[in-house]
Amino acid sequence: TLDDGEEIKADTLFWCAGIKAPSFLSDSGLPTVDDGRLDVDVSLQLSGIEGVFAAGDACSPPEDVPQTAQVATQQGPHAANNLIASLSGRM
């Protein structure tokens, strides 16, 4: 549920916390990089999978950014906005 009350339905949601990606991500069949984090583009969408987004320690964005709470806090709204854009055909 977003701040404005809008709900985004999903069949599956992964929640990851910590400083490294959990091993189940690399075992999931989703695109990952060498350290097991999900491979995403600048929109935080998984590489080659339309409409699936990741943020924080679970993902490895193409730009070199540190795995910190500050970055994850910025990535969350960025991924949410891009998910909404994707669902509304603006992406």
Protein backbone atom coordinates (compact mmCIF):
# COMPACT_ATOMS: atom_id res chain seq x y z
CA THR A 1 0.00 0.00 0.00
CA LEU A 2 1.42 3.35 -1.07
CA ASP A 3 1.32 6.56 0.99
CA ASP A 4 -1.75 7.78 -0.92
CA GLY A 5 -3.63 4.58 -0.08
CA GLU A 6 -3.28 3.00 -3.53
CA GLU A 7 -2.70 -0.74 -3.35
CA ILE A 8 -0.47 -2.61 -5.80
CA LYS A 9 -1.38 -6.27 -6.06
CA ALA A 10 1.40 -8.84 -6.44
CA ASP A 11 1.53 -12.62 -6.48
CA THR A 12 5.01 -12.69 -4.97
CA LEU A 13 6.96 -10.15 -2.94
CA PHE A 14 10.51 -10.62 -1.64
CA TRP A 15 11.63 -8.61 1.37
CA CYS A 16 15.39 -8.53 2.01
CA ALA A 17 17.20 -6.79 4.83
CA GLY A 18 20.90 -6.75 5.59
CA ILE A 19 24.11 -6.01 3.75
CA LYS A 20 24.03 -8.81 1.22
CA ALA A 21 21.45 -10.55 -0.87
CA PRO A 22 20.02 -13.77 0.57
CA SER A 23 21.05 -16.96 -1.20
CA PHE A 24 17.49 -17.76 -2.29
CA LEU A 25 17.67 -14.91 -4.83
CA SER A 26 20.46 -16.57 -6.80
CA ASP A 27 18.58 -19.86 -6.53
CA SER A 28 15.33 -18.29 -7.77
CA GLY A 29 16.16 -18.35 -11.47
CA LEU A 30 15.94 -14.56 -11.65
CA PRO A 31 18.83 -12.67 -13.29
CA THR A 32 21.61 -12.07 -10.77
CA VAL A 33 25.15 -10.74 -10.80
CA ASP A 34 28.23 -12.42 -9.32
CA ASP A 35 27.45 -11.51 -5.70
CA GLY A 36 23.91 -12.91 -5.92
CA ARG A 37 22.07 -9.61 -6.08
CA LEU A 38 19.37 -9.15 -8.71
CA ASP A 39 20.53 -7.63 -11.99
CA VAL A 40 18.53 -4.44 -12.63
CA ASP A 41 18.65 -1.52 -15.05
CA VAL A 42 18.58 2.20 -14.10
CA SER A 43 14.81 2.01 -13.54
CA LEU A 44 15.44 -0.84 -11.04
CA GLN A 45 13.56 -3.24 -13.32
CA LEU A 46 15.04 -6.72 -13.50
CA SER A 47 17.09 -7.24 -16.63
CA GLY A 48 14.96 -8.93 -19.24
CA ILE A 49 11.83 -9.19 -17.07
CA GLU A 50 9.21 -6.53 -17.71
CA GLY A 51 7.26 -5.25 -14.71
CA VAL A 52 9.47 -6.74 -11.99
CA PHE A 53 11.47 -4.30 -9.87
CA ALA A 54 13.96 -4.59 -7.00
CA ALA A 55 15.56 -2.14 -4.59
CA GLY A 56 18.06 -2.03 -1.75
CA ASP A 57 20.38 -4.90 -0.89
CA ALA A 58 18.46 -7.25 -3.16
CA CYS A 59 19.58 -5.48 -6.34
CA SER A 60 22.72 -4.44 -8.17
CA PRO A 61 22.04 -1.26 -10.15
CA PRO A 62 24.29 -0.43 -13.11
CA GLU A 63 25.67 2.70 -11.45
CA ASP A 64 28.17 2.14 -8.66
CA VAL A 65 26.23 3.05 -5.51
CA PRO A 66 26.95 1.90 -1.97
CA GLN A 67 24.68 -0.60 -0.24
CA THR A 68 23.46 1.77 2.45
CA ALA A 69 20.13 2.55 4.05
CA GLN A 70 20.20 6.00 2.44
CA VAL A 71 20.46 4.51 -1.06
CA ALA A 72 17.79 1.90 -0.35
CA THR A 73 15.49 4.63 1.00
CA GLN A 74 15.84 6.47 -2.32
CA GLN A 75 15.50 3.32 -4.42
CA GLY A 76 12.18 2.32 -2.85
CA PRO A 77 10.16 5.30 -4.13
CA HIS A 78 12.07 5.20 -7.45
CA ALA A 79 11.11 1.55 -7.98
CA ALA A 80 7.51 2.22 -6.89
CA ASN A 81 7.14 5.15 -9.31
CA ASN A 82 8.58 3.08 -12.14
CA LEU A 83 6.27 0.18 -11.30
CA ILE A 84 3.27 2.52 -11.46
CA ALA A 85 4.56 3.92 -14.77
CA SER A 86 4.97 0.38 -16.08
CA LEU A 87 1.45 -0.63 -15.03
CA SER A 88 -0.05 2.47 -16.64
CA GLY A 89 1.81 1.96 -19.94
CA ARG A 90 4.14 4.95 -19.50
CA MET A 91 7.29 2.84 -19.50
